[in-house]
Amino acid sequence: EKGDEPARSILEKTAVILGKLCANVVLMMQPEKIVIVGGLAERSKSVLETINKNMNENCWFLFKGLTNCQVIASSLGDHAGVLGSICKIRRLIDKKQKK
């Protein structure tokens, strides 16, 4: 955002690759949303825009209008992965206790 061209180029290439990866996820699972976590996703709207653009261009289901999906930034920030792990562990413990 401050004009660092090498950094901007790296972010652009990374976003293009992530967009293609997300296109494959949509083809396999057809999610409504893909949530990206971390500071980069929260701070850089252009990264999310590039990911969404490339996902839509590379997914047959999306550009034909057969499904919808959007890549968004997590509102939980950097803690999303930890909170998700805690939730999963709790569910496993609850499931074992019910047996």
PDB file of N, CA and C in Angstrom:
ATOM      1  N   GLU A   1       0.811  -1.205   0.000  1.00  0.00           N
ATOM      2  CA  GLU A   1       0.000   0.000   0.000  1.00  0.00           C
ATOM      3  C   GLU A   1       0.853   1.267   0.000  1.00  0.00           C
ATOM      4  N   LYS A   2       2.108   1.140   0.414  1.00  0.00           N
ATOM      5  CA  LYS A   2       2.986   2.301   0.467  1.00  0.00           C
ATOM      6  C   LYS A   2       3.895   2.397  -0.745  1.00  0.00           C
ATOM      7  N   GLY A   3       3.616   1.601  -1.772  1.00  0.00           N
ATOM      8  CA  GLY A   3       4.362   1.719  -3.015  1.00  0.00           C
ATOM      9  C   GLY A   3       5.564   0.812  -3.154  1.00  0.00           C
ATOM     10  N   ASP A   4       5.711  -0.179  -2.321  1.00  0.00           N
ATOM     11  CA  ASP A   4       6.829  -1.127  -2.410  1.00  0.00           C
ATOM     12  C   ASP A   4       6.537  -2.114  -3.543  1.00  0.00           C
ATOM     13  N   GLU A   5       7.134  -1.883  -4.715  1.00  0.00           N
ATOM     14  CA  GLU A   5       6.835  -2.690  -5.907  1.00  0.00           C
ATOM     15  C   GLU A   5       7.156  -4.173  -5.753  1.00  0.00           C
ATOM     16  N   PRO A   6       8.326  -4.563  -5.215  1.00  0.00           N
ATOM     17  CA  PRO A   6       8.566  -5.999  -5.043  1.00  0.00           C
ATOM     18  C   PRO A   6       7.521  -6.661  -4.138  1.00  0.00           C
ATOM     19  N   ALA A   7       7.137  -5.996  -3.064  1.00  0.00           N
ATOM     20  CA  ALA A   7       6.116  -6.544  -2.162  1.00  0.00           C
ATOM     21  C   ALA A   7       4.773  -6.640  -2.866  1.00  0.00           C
ATOM     22  N   ARG A   8       4.435  -5.634  -3.623  1.00  0.00           N
ATOM     23  CA  ARG A   8       3.173  -5.622  -4.368  1.00  0.00           C
ATOM     24  C   ARG A   8       3.138  -6.762  -5.384  1.00  0.00           C
ATOM     25  N   SER A   9       4.239  -6.997  -6.055  1.00  0.00           N
ATOM     26  CA  SER A   9       4.332  -8.078  -7.039  1.00  0.00           C
ATOM     27  C   SER A   9       4.165  -9.449  -6.383  1.00  0.00           C
ATOM     28  N   ILE A  10       4.811  -9.633  -5.238  1.00  0.00           N
ATOM     29  CA  ILE A  10       4.695 -10.901  -4.506  1.00  0.00           C
ATOM     30  C   ILE A  10       3.249 -11.124  -4.055  1.00  0.00           C
ATOM     31  N   LEU A  11       2.615 -10.081  -3.522  1.00  0.00           N
ATOM     32  CA  LEU A  11       1.225 -10.202  -3.087  1.00  0.00           C
ATOM     33  C   LEU A  11       0.297 -10.529  -4.254  1.00  0.00           C
ATOM     34  N   GLU A  12       0.535  -9.902  -5.393  1.00  0.00           N
ATOM     35  CA  GLU A  12      -0.281 -10.153  -6.582  1.00  0.00           C
ATOM     36  C   GLU A  12      -0.164 -11.609  -7.025  1.00  0.00           C
ATOM     37  N   LYS A  13       1.061 -12.103  -7.121  1.00  0.00           N
ATOM     38  CA  LYS A  13       1.280 -13.497  -7.541  1.00  0.00           C
ATOM     39  C   LYS A  13       0.665 -14.474  -6.537  1.00  0.00           C
ATOM     40  N   THR A  14       0.816 -14.187  -5.256  1.00  0.00           N
ATOM     41  CA  THR A  14       0.248 -15.042  -4.219  1.00  0.00           C
ATOM     42  C   THR A  14      -1.276 -15.052  -4.305  1.00  0.00           C
ATOM     43  N   ALA A  15      -1.876 -13.897  -4.510  1.00  0.00           N
ATOM     44  CA  ALA A  15      -3.336 -13.804  -4.617  1.00  0.00           C
ATOM     45  C   ALA A  15      -3.855 -14.559  -5.836  1.00  0.00           C
ATOM     46  N   VAL A  16      -3.128 -14.508  -6.946  1.00  0.00           N
ATOM     47  CA  VAL A  16      -3.533 -15.244  -8.151  1.00  0.00           C
ATOM     48  C   VAL A  16      -3.518 -16.747  -7.866  1.00  0.00           C
ATOM     49  N   ILE A  17      -2.460 -17.221  -7.231  1.00  0.00           N
ATOM     50  CA  ILE A  17      -2.356 -18.649  -6.900  1.00  0.00           C
ATOM     51  C   ILE A  17      -3.464 -19.055  -5.929  1.00  0.00           C
ATOM     52  N   LEU A  18      -3.713 -18.237  -4.912  1.00  0.00           N
ATOM     53  CA  LEU A  18      -4.780 -18.543  -3.966  1.00  0.00           C
ATOM     54  C   LEU A  18      -6.145 -18.543  -4.642  1.00  0.00           C
ATOM     55  N   GLY A  19      -6.345 -17.647  -5.589  1.00  0.00           N
ATOM     56  CA  GLY A  19      -7.604 -17.624  -6.340  1.00  0.00           C
ATOM     57  C   GLY A  19      -7.820 -18.911  -7.109  1.00  0.00           C
ATOM     58  N   LYS A  20      -6.765 -19.424  -7.733  1.00  0.00           N
ATOM     59  CA  LYS A  20      -6.866 -20.694  -8.459  1.00  0.00           C
ATOM     60  C   LYS A  20      -7.122 -21.855  -7.499  1.00  0.00           C
ATOM     61  N   LEU A  21      -6.465 -21.823  -6.349  1.00  0.00           N
ATOM     62  CA  LEU A  21      -6.689 -22.848  -5.332  1.00  0.00           C
ATOM     63  C   LEU A  21      -8.141 -22.816  -4.856  1.00  0.00           C
ATOM     64  N   CYS A  22      -8.654 -21.632  -4.605  1.00  0.00           N
ATOM     65  CA  CYS A  22     -10.048 -21.496  -4.172  1.00  0.00           C
ATOM     66  C   CYS A  22     -11.013 -21.976  -5.245  1.00  0.00           C
ATOM     67  N   ALA A  23     -10.684 -21.762  -6.515  1.00  0.00           N
ATOM     68  CA  ALA A  23     -11.516 -22.270  -7.610  1.00  0.00           C
ATOM     69  C   ALA A  23     -11.623 -23.787  -7.534  1.00  0.00           C
ATOM     70  N   ASN A  24     -10.526 -24.453  -7.232  1.00  0.00           N
ATOM     71  CA  ASN A  24     -10.538 -25.907  -7.086  1.00  0.00           C
ATOM     72  C   ASN A  24     -11.363 -26.341  -5.884  1.00  0.00           C
ATOM     73  N   VAL A  25     -11.283 -25.596  -4.794  1.00  0.00           N
ATOM     74  CA  VAL A  25     -12.087 -25.906  -3.612  1.00  0.00           C
ATOM     75  C   VAL A  25     -13.570 -25.799  -3.963  1.00  0.00           C
ATOM     76  N   VAL A  26     -13.936 -24.777  -4.709  1.00  0.00           N
ATOM     77  CA  VAL A  26     -15.334 -24.601  -5.106  1.00  0.00           C
ATOM     78  C   VAL A  26     -15.782 -25.762  -5.992  1.00  0.00           C
ATOM     79  N   LEU A  27     -14.938 -26.189  -6.903  1.00  0.00           N
ATOM     80  CA  LEU A  27     -15.292 -27.322  -7.761  1.00  0.00           C
ATOM     81  C   LEU A  27     -15.531 -28.600  -6.955  1.00  0.00           C
ATOM     82  N   MET A  28     -14.752 -28.800  -5.903  1.00  0.00           N
ATOM     83  CA  MET A  28     -14.867 -30.021  -5.112  1.00  0.00           C
ATOM     84  C   MET A  28     -15.971 -29.949  -4.062  1.00  0.00           C
ATOM     85  N   MET A  29     -16.132 -28.794  -3.416  1.00  0.00           N
ATOM     86  CA  MET A  29     -16.984 -28.735  -2.230  1.00  0.00           C
ATOM     87  C   MET A  29     -18.174 -27.784  -2.355  1.00  0.00           C
ATOM     88  N   GLN A  30     -18.140 -26.867  -3.288  1.00  0.00           N
ATOM     89  CA  GLN A  30     -19.166 -25.853  -3.507  1.00  0.00           C
ATOM     90  C   GLN A  30     -19.556 -25.090  -2.230  1.00  0.00           C
ATOM     91  N   PRO A  31     -18.561 -24.502  -1.533  1.00  0.00           N
ATOM     92  CA  PRO A  31     -18.897 -23.710  -0.338  1.00  0.00           C
ATOM     93  C   PRO A  31     -19.510 -22.371  -0.742  1.00  0.00           C
ATOM     94  N   GLU A  32     -20.223 -21.765   0.172  1.00  0.00           N
ATOM     95  CA  GLU A  32     -20.772 -20.431  -0.070  1.00  0.00           C
ATOM     96  C   GLU A  32     -19.742 -19.353   0.222  1.00  0.00           C
ATOM     97  N   LYS A  33     -18.864 -19.653   1.173  1.00  0.00           N
ATOM     98  CA  LYS A  33     -17.811 -18.700   1.546  1.00  0.00           C
ATOM     99  C   LYS A  33     -16.532 -19.468   1.851  1.00  0.00           C
ATOM    100  N   ILE A  34     -15.422 -18.833   1.554  1.00  0.00           N
ATOM    101  CA  ILE A  34     -14.113 -19.315   1.963  1.00  0.00           C
ATOM    102  C   ILE A  34     -13.524 -18.194   2.811  1.00  0.00           C
ATOM    103  N   VAL A  35     -13.173 -18.516   4.038  1.00  0.00           N
ATOM    104  CA  VAL A  35     -12.695 -17.502   4.978  1.00  0.00           C
ATOM    105  C   VAL A  35     -11.178 -17.586   5.087  1.00  0.00           C
ATOM    106  N   ILE A  36     -10.530 -16.480   4.790  1.00  0.00           N
ATOM    107  CA  ILE A  36      -9.080 -16.356   4.903  1.00  0.00           C
ATOM    108  C   ILE A  36      -8.793 -15.675   6.235  1.00  0.00           C
ATOM    109  N   VAL A  37      -7.862 -16.244   6.995  1.00  0.00           N
ATOM    110  CA  VAL A  37      -7.548 -15.665   8.299  1.00  0.00           C
ATOM    111  C   VAL A  37      -6.168 -15.021   8.280  1.00  0.00           C
ATOM    112  N   GLY A  38      -5.953 -14.152   9.220  1.00  0.00           N
ATOM    113  CA  GLY A  38      -4.647 -13.531   9.362  1.00  0.00           C
ATOM    114  C   GLY A  38      -4.654 -12.061   9.021  1.00  0.00           C
ATOM    115  N   GLY A  39      -3.604 -11.418   9.421  1.00  0.00           N
ATOM    116  CA  GLY A  39      -3.483  -9.977   9.249  1.00  0.00           C
ATOM    117  C   GLY A  39      -3.477  -9.522   7.807  1.00  0.00           C
ATOM    118  N   LEU A  40      -2.868 -10.299   6.933  1.00  0.00           N
ATOM    119  CA  LEU A  40      -2.795  -9.904   5.528  1.00  0.00           C
ATOM    120  C   LEU A  40      -4.191  -9.797   4.921  1.00  0.00           C
ATOM    121  N   ALA A  41      -5.038 -10.776   5.186  1.00  0.00           N
ATOM    122  CA  ALA A  41      -6.396 -10.767   4.638  1.00  0.00           C
ATOM    123  C   ALA A  41      -7.186  -9.579   5.167  1.00  0.00           C
ATOM    124  N   GLU A  42      -6.963  -9.234   6.417  1.00  0.00           N
ATOM    125  CA  GLU A  42      -7.695  -8.125   7.023  1.00  0.00           C
ATOM    126  C   GLU A  42      -7.220  -6.760   6.524  1.00  0.00           C
ATOM    127  N   ARG A  43      -5.952  -6.662   6.193  1.00  0.00           N
ATOM    128  CA  ARG A  43      -5.366  -5.357   5.875  1.00  0.00           C
ATOM    129  C   ARG A  43      -5.327  -5.031   4.385  1.00  0.00           C
ATOM    130  N   SER A  44      -5.514  -6.000   3.549  1.00  0.00           N
ATOM    131  CA  SER A  44      -5.325  -5.750   2.127  1.00  0.00           C
ATOM    132  C   SER A  44      -6.548  -6.150   1.307  1.00  0.00           C
ATOM    133  N   LYS A  45      -7.391  -5.172   1.030  1.00  0.00           N
ATOM    134  CA  LYS A  45      -8.581  -5.423   0.220  1.00  0.00           C
ATOM    135  C   LYS A  45      -8.203  -5.871  -1.188  1.00  0.00           C
ATOM    136  N   SER A  46      -7.106  -5.359  -1.707  1.00  0.00           N
ATOM    137  CA  SER A  46      -6.712  -5.715  -3.072  1.00  0.00           C
ATOM    138  C   SER A  46      -6.352  -7.193  -3.177  1.00  0.00           C
ATOM    139  N   VAL A  47      -5.803  -7.789  -2.117  1.00  0.00           N
ATOM    140  CA  VAL A  47      -5.487  -9.220  -2.126  1.00  0.00           C
ATOM    141  C   VAL A  47      -6.783 -10.026  -2.240  1.00  0.00           C
ATOM    142  N   LEU A  48      -7.778  -9.687  -1.417  1.00  0.00           N
ATOM    143  CA  LEU A  48      -9.061 -10.396  -1.488  1.00  0.00           C
ATOM    144  C   LEU A  48      -9.743 -10.198  -2.830  1.00  0.00           C
ATOM    145  N   GLU A  49      -9.663  -8.992  -3.372  1.00  0.00           N
ATOM    146  CA  GLU A  49     -10.261  -8.732  -4.682  1.00  0.00           C
ATOM    147  C   GLU A  49      -9.604  -9.581  -5.764  1.00  0.00           C
ATOM    148  N   THR A  50      -8.278  -9.688  -5.715  1.00  0.00           N
ATOM    149  CA  THR A  50      -7.549 -10.495  -6.707  1.00  0.00           C
ATOM    150  C   THR A  50      -7.862 -11.975  -6.540  1.00  0.00           C
ATOM    151  N   ILE A  51      -7.943 -12.447  -5.300  1.00  0.00           N
ATOM    152  CA  ILE A  51      -8.295 -13.846  -5.057  1.00  0.00           C
ATOM    153  C   ILE A  51      -9.674 -14.137  -5.630  1.00  0.00           C
ATOM    154  N   ASN A  52     -10.654 -13.300  -5.313  1.00  0.00           N
ATOM    155  CA  ASN A  52     -12.022 -13.510  -5.810  1.00  0.00           C
ATOM    156  C   ASN A  52     -12.092 -13.455  -7.328  1.00  0.00           C
ATOM    157  N   LYS A  53     -11.392 -12.505  -7.923  1.00  0.00           N
ATOM    158  CA  LYS A  53     -11.385 -12.371  -9.380  1.00  0.00           C
ATOM    159  C   LYS A  53     -10.841 -13.637 -10.034  1.00  0.00           C
ATOM    160  N   ASN A  54      -9.710 -14.122  -9.555  1.00  0.00           N
ATOM    161  CA  ASN A  54      -9.097 -15.314 -10.145  1.00  0.00           C
ATOM    162  C   ASN A  54      -9.907 -16.569  -9.853  1.00  0.00           C
ATOM    163  N   MET A  55     -10.512 -16.643  -8.688  1.00  0.00           N
ATOM    164  CA  MET A  55     -11.367 -17.784  -8.374  1.00  0.00           C
ATOM    165  C   MET A  55     -12.540 -17.830  -9.352  1.00  0.00           C
ATOM    166  N   ASN A  56     -13.181 -16.692  -9.552  1.00  0.00           N
ATOM    167  CA  ASN A  56     -14.334 -16.638 -10.455  1.00  0.00           C
ATOM    168  C   ASN A  56     -13.960 -16.927 -11.905  1.00  0.00           C
ATOM    169  N   GLU A  57     -12.792 -16.489 -12.330  1.00  0.00           N
ATOM    170  CA  GLU A  57     -12.352 -16.725 -13.707  1.00  0.00           C
ATOM    171  C   GLU A  57     -11.931 -18.175 -13.953  1.00  0.00           C
ATOM    172  N   ASN A  58     -11.515 -18.882 -12.900  1.00  0.00           N
ATOM    173  CA  ASN A  58     -10.969 -20.231 -13.060  1.00  0.00           C
ATOM    174  C   ASN A  58     -11.902 -21.343 -12.594  1.00  0.00           C
ATOM    175  N   CYS A  59     -13.109 -21.009 -12.205  1.00  0.00           N
ATOM    176  CA  CYS A  59     -14.054 -22.026 -11.753  1.00  0.00           C
ATOM    177  C   CYS A  59     -15.264 -22.054 -12.670  1.00  0.00           C
ATOM    178  N   TRP A  60     -15.427 -23.154 -13.349  1.00  0.00           N
ATOM    179  CA  TRP A  60     -16.517 -23.320 -14.304  1.00  0.00           C
ATOM    180  C   TRP A  60     -17.873 -23.125 -13.631  1.00  0.00           C
ATOM    181  N   PHE A  61     -18.054 -23.643 -12.426  1.00  0.00           N
ATOM    182  CA  PHE A  61     -19.326 -23.494 -11.702  1.00  0.00           C
ATOM    183  C   PHE A  61     -19.653 -22.030 -11.431  1.00  0.00           C
ATOM    184  N   LEU A  62     -18.618 -21.235 -11.152  1.00  0.00           N
ATOM    185  CA  LEU A  62     -18.845 -19.831 -10.823  1.00  0.00           C
ATOM    186  C   LEU A  62     -19.128 -18.993 -12.053  1.00  0.00           C
ATOM    187  N   PHE A  63     -18.293 -19.118 -13.090  1.00  0.00           N
ATOM    188  CA  PHE A  63     -18.521 -18.231 -14.225  1.00  0.00           C
ATOM    189  C   PHE A  63     -19.717 -18.643 -15.065  1.00  0.00           C
ATOM    190  N   LYS A  64     -20.228 -19.855 -14.869  1.00  0.00           N
ATOM    191  CA  LYS A  64     -21.484 -20.276 -15.516  1.00  0.00           C
ATOM    192  C   LYS A  64     -22.696 -19.962 -14.638  1.00  0.00           C
ATOM    193  N   GLY A  65     -22.447 -19.472 -13.425  1.00  0.00           N
ATOM    194  CA  GLY A  65     -23.532 -19.111 -12.517  1.00  0.00           C
ATOM    195  C   GLY A  65     -24.224 -20.306 -11.876  1.00  0.00           C
ATOM    196  N   LEU A  66     -23.548 -21.453 -11.818  1.00  0.00           N
ATOM    197  CA  LEU A  66     -24.147 -22.653 -11.241  1.00  0.00           C
ATOM    198  C   LEU A  66     -24.048 -22.695  -9.718  1.00  0.00           C
ATOM    199  N   THR A  67     -23.167 -21.895  -9.159  1.00  0.00           N
ATOM    200  CA  THR A  67     -23.026 -21.775  -7.705  1.00  0.00           C
ATOM    201  C   THR A  67     -22.429 -20.403  -7.413  1.00  0.00           C
ATOM    202  N   ASN A  68     -22.449 -20.031  -6.154  1.00  0.00           N
ATOM    203  CA  ASN A  68     -21.863 -18.759  -5.722  1.00  0.00           C
ATOM    204  C   ASN A  68     -20.896 -19.018  -4.589  1.00  0.00           C
ATOM    205  N   CYS A  69     -19.818 -18.281  -4.561  1.00  0.00           N
ATOM    206  CA  CYS A  69     -18.859 -18.371  -3.473  1.00  0.00           C
ATOM    207  C   CYS A  69     -18.103 -17.055  -3.410  1.00  0.00           C
ATOM    208  N   GLN A  70     -17.729 -16.684  -2.210  1.00  0.00           N
ATOM    209  CA  GLN A  70     -16.962 -15.457  -2.012  1.00  0.00           C
ATOM    210  C   GLN A  70     -15.858 -15.734  -1.007  1.00  0.00           C
ATOM    211  N   VAL A  71     -14.677 -15.225  -1.274  1.00  0.00           N
ATOM    212  CA  VAL A  71     -13.568 -15.292  -0.333  1.00  0.00           C
ATOM    213  C   VAL A  71     -13.612 -14.020   0.504  1.00  0.00           C
ATOM    214  N   ILE A  72     -13.628 -14.204   1.832  1.00  0.00           N
ATOM    215  CA  ILE A  72     -13.715 -13.068   2.743  1.00  0.00           C
ATOM    216  C   ILE A  72     -12.630 -13.188   3.815  1.00  0.00           C
ATOM    217  N   ALA A  73     -12.373 -12.086   4.496  1.00  0.00           N
ATOM    218  CA  ALA A  73     -11.443 -12.088   5.629  1.00  0.00           C
ATOM    219  C   ALA A  73     -12.211 -12.439   6.896  1.00  0.00           C
ATOM    220  N   SER A  74     -11.591 -13.214   7.749  1.00  0.00           N
ATOM    221  CA  SER A  74     -12.208 -13.594   9.019  1.00  0.00           C
ATOM    222  C   SER A  74     -12.364 -12.375   9.915  1.00  0.00           C
ATOM    223  N   SER A  75     -13.483 -12.312  10.591  1.00  0.00           N
ATOM    224  CA  SER A  75     -13.676 -11.228  11.554  1.00  0.00           C
ATOM    225  C   SER A  75     -13.007 -11.558  12.890  1.00  0.00           C
ATOM    226  N   LEU A  76     -12.487 -12.788  13.019  1.00  0.00           N
ATOM    227  CA  LEU A  76     -11.825 -13.206  14.255  1.00  0.00           C
ATOM    228  C   LEU A  76     -10.332 -12.919  14.253  1.00  0.00           C
ATOM    229  N   GLY A  77      -9.811 -12.444  13.152  1.00  0.00           N
ATOM    230  CA  GLY A  77      -8.394 -12.105  13.083  1.00  0.00           C
ATOM    231  C   GLY A  77      -7.490 -13.315  13.176  1.00  0.00           C
ATOM    232  N   ASP A  78      -6.331 -13.115  13.756  1.00  0.00           N
ATOM    233  CA  ASP A  78      -5.325 -14.168  13.859  1.00  0.00           C
ATOM    234  C   ASP A  78      -5.726 -15.287  14.816  1.00  0.00           C
ATOM    235  N   HIS A  79      -6.768 -15.093  15.598  1.00  0.00           N
ATOM    236  CA  HIS A  79      -7.185 -16.080  16.589  1.00  0.00           C
ATOM    237  C   HIS A  79      -8.118 -17.142  16.013  1.00  0.00           C
ATOM    238  N   ALA A  80      -8.545 -17.011  14.779  1.00  0.00           N
ATOM    239  CA  ALA A  80      -9.532 -17.919  14.200  1.00  0.00           C
ATOM    240  C   ALA A  80      -9.074 -19.373  14.219  1.00  0.00           C
ATOM    241  N   GLY A  81      -7.842 -19.628  13.854  1.00  0.00           N
ATOM    242  CA  GLY A  81      -7.341 -21.005  13.822  1.00  0.00           C
ATOM    243  C   GLY A  81      -7.334 -21.641  15.200  1.00  0.00           C
ATOM    244  N   VAL A  82      -6.902 -20.884  16.180  1.00  0.00           N
ATOM    245  CA  VAL A  82      -6.863 -21.396  17.549  1.00  0.00           C
ATOM    246  C   VAL A  82      -8.279 -21.649  18.060  1.00  0.00           C
ATOM    247  N   LEU A  83      -9.190 -20.710  17.827  1.00  0.00           N
ATOM    248  CA  LEU A  83     -10.567 -20.877  18.280  1.00  0.00           C
ATOM    249  C   LEU A  83     -11.231 -22.067  17.587  1.00  0.00           C
ATOM    250  N   GLY A  84     -10.965 -22.251  16.307  1.00  0.00           N
ATOM    251  CA  GLY A  84     -11.504 -23.397  15.588  1.00  0.00           C
ATOM    252  C   GLY A  84     -10.980 -24.708  16.135  1.00  0.00           C
ATOM    253  N   SER A  85      -9.713 -24.755  16.461  1.00  0.00           N
ATOM    254  CA  SER A  85      -9.112 -25.960  17.046  1.00  0.00           C
ATOM    255  C   SER A  85      -9.729 -26.278  18.401  1.00  0.00           C
ATOM    256  N   ILE A  86      -9.909 -25.269  19.221  1.00  0.00           N
ATOM    257  CA  ILE A  86     -10.529 -25.461  20.532  1.00  0.00           C
ATOM    258  C   ILE A  86     -11.942 -26.010  20.373  1.00  0.00           C
ATOM    259  N   CYS A  87     -12.692 -25.455  19.442  1.00  0.00           N
ATOM    260  CA  CYS A  87     -14.059 -25.909  19.193  1.00  0.00           C
ATOM    261  C   CYS A  87     -14.075 -27.377  18.759  1.00  0.00           C
ATOM    262  N   LYS A  88     -13.174 -27.746  17.868  1.00  0.00           N
ATOM    263  CA  LYS A  88     -13.121 -29.125  17.392  1.00  0.00           C
ATOM    264  C   LYS A  88     -12.772 -30.083  18.525  1.00  0.00           C
ATOM    265  N   ILE A  89     -11.818 -29.723  19.350  1.00  0.00           N
ATOM    266  CA  ILE A  89     -11.428 -30.563  20.484  1.00  0.00           C
ATOM    267  C   ILE A  89     -12.589 -30.722  21.459  1.00  0.00           C
ATOM    268  N   ARG A  90     -13.293 -29.638  21.721  1.00  0.00           N
ATOM    269  CA  ARG A  90     -14.463 -29.709  22.609  1.00  0.00           C
ATOM    270  C   ARG A  90     -15.513 -30.663  22.068  1.00  0.00           C
ATOM    271  N   ARG A  91     -15.763 -30.590  20.757  1.00  0.00           N
ATOM    272  CA  ARG A  91     -16.749 -31.495  20.145  1.00  0.00           C
ATOM    273  C   ARG A  91     -16.307 -32.948  20.256  1.00  0.00           C
ATOM    274  N   LEU A  92     -15.031 -33.211  20.045  1.00  0.00           N
ATOM    275  CA  LEU A  92     -14.525 -34.577  20.174  1.00  0.00           C
ATOM    276  C   LEU A  92     -14.664 -35.080  21.611  1.00  0.00           C
ATOM    277  N   ILE A  93     -14.359 -34.239  22.573  1.00  0.00           N
ATOM    278  CA  ILE A  93     -14.492 -34.616  23.985  1.00  0.00           C
ATOM    279  C   ILE A  93     -15.954 -34.891  24.320  1.00  0.00           C
ATOM    280  N   ASP A  94     -16.844 -34.006  23.883  1.00  0.00           N
ATOM    281  CA  ASP A  94     -18.272 -34.200  24.136  1.00  0.00           C
ATOM    282  C   ASP A  94     -18.783 -35.488  23.517  1.00  0.00           C
ATOM    283  N   LYS A  95     -18.324 -35.770  22.301  1.00  0.00           N
ATOM    284  CA  LYS A  95     -18.746 -36.984  21.599  1.00  0.00           C
ATOM    285  C   LYS A  95     -18.277 -38.233  22.349  1.00  0.00           C
ATOM    286  N   LYS A  96     -17.041 -38.231  22.851  1.00  0.00           N
ATOM    287  CA  LYS A  96     -16.509 -39.370  23.601  1.00  0.00           C
ATOM    288  C   LYS A  96     -17.227 -39.545  24.940  1.00  0.00           C
ATOM    289  N   GLN A  97     -17.612 -38.438  25.570  1.00  0.00           N
ATOM    290  CA  GLN A  97     -18.293 -38.522  26.847  1.00  0.00           C
ATOM    291  C   GLN A  97     -19.714 -39.066  26.699  1.00  0.00           C
ATOM    292  N   LYS A  98     -20.328 -38.855  25.543  1.00  0.00           N
ATOM    293  CA  LYS A  98     -21.692 -39.340  25.314  1.00  0.00           C
ATOM    294  C   LYS A  98     -21.721 -40.846  25.074  1.00  0.00           C
ATOM    295  N   LYS A  99     -20.591 -41.431  24.696  1.00  0.00           N
ATOM    296  CA  LYS A  99     -20.539 -42.862  24.408  1.00  0.00           C
ATOM    297  C   LYS A  99     -20.560 -43.675  25.627  1.00  0.00           C
TER     298      LYS A  99
END
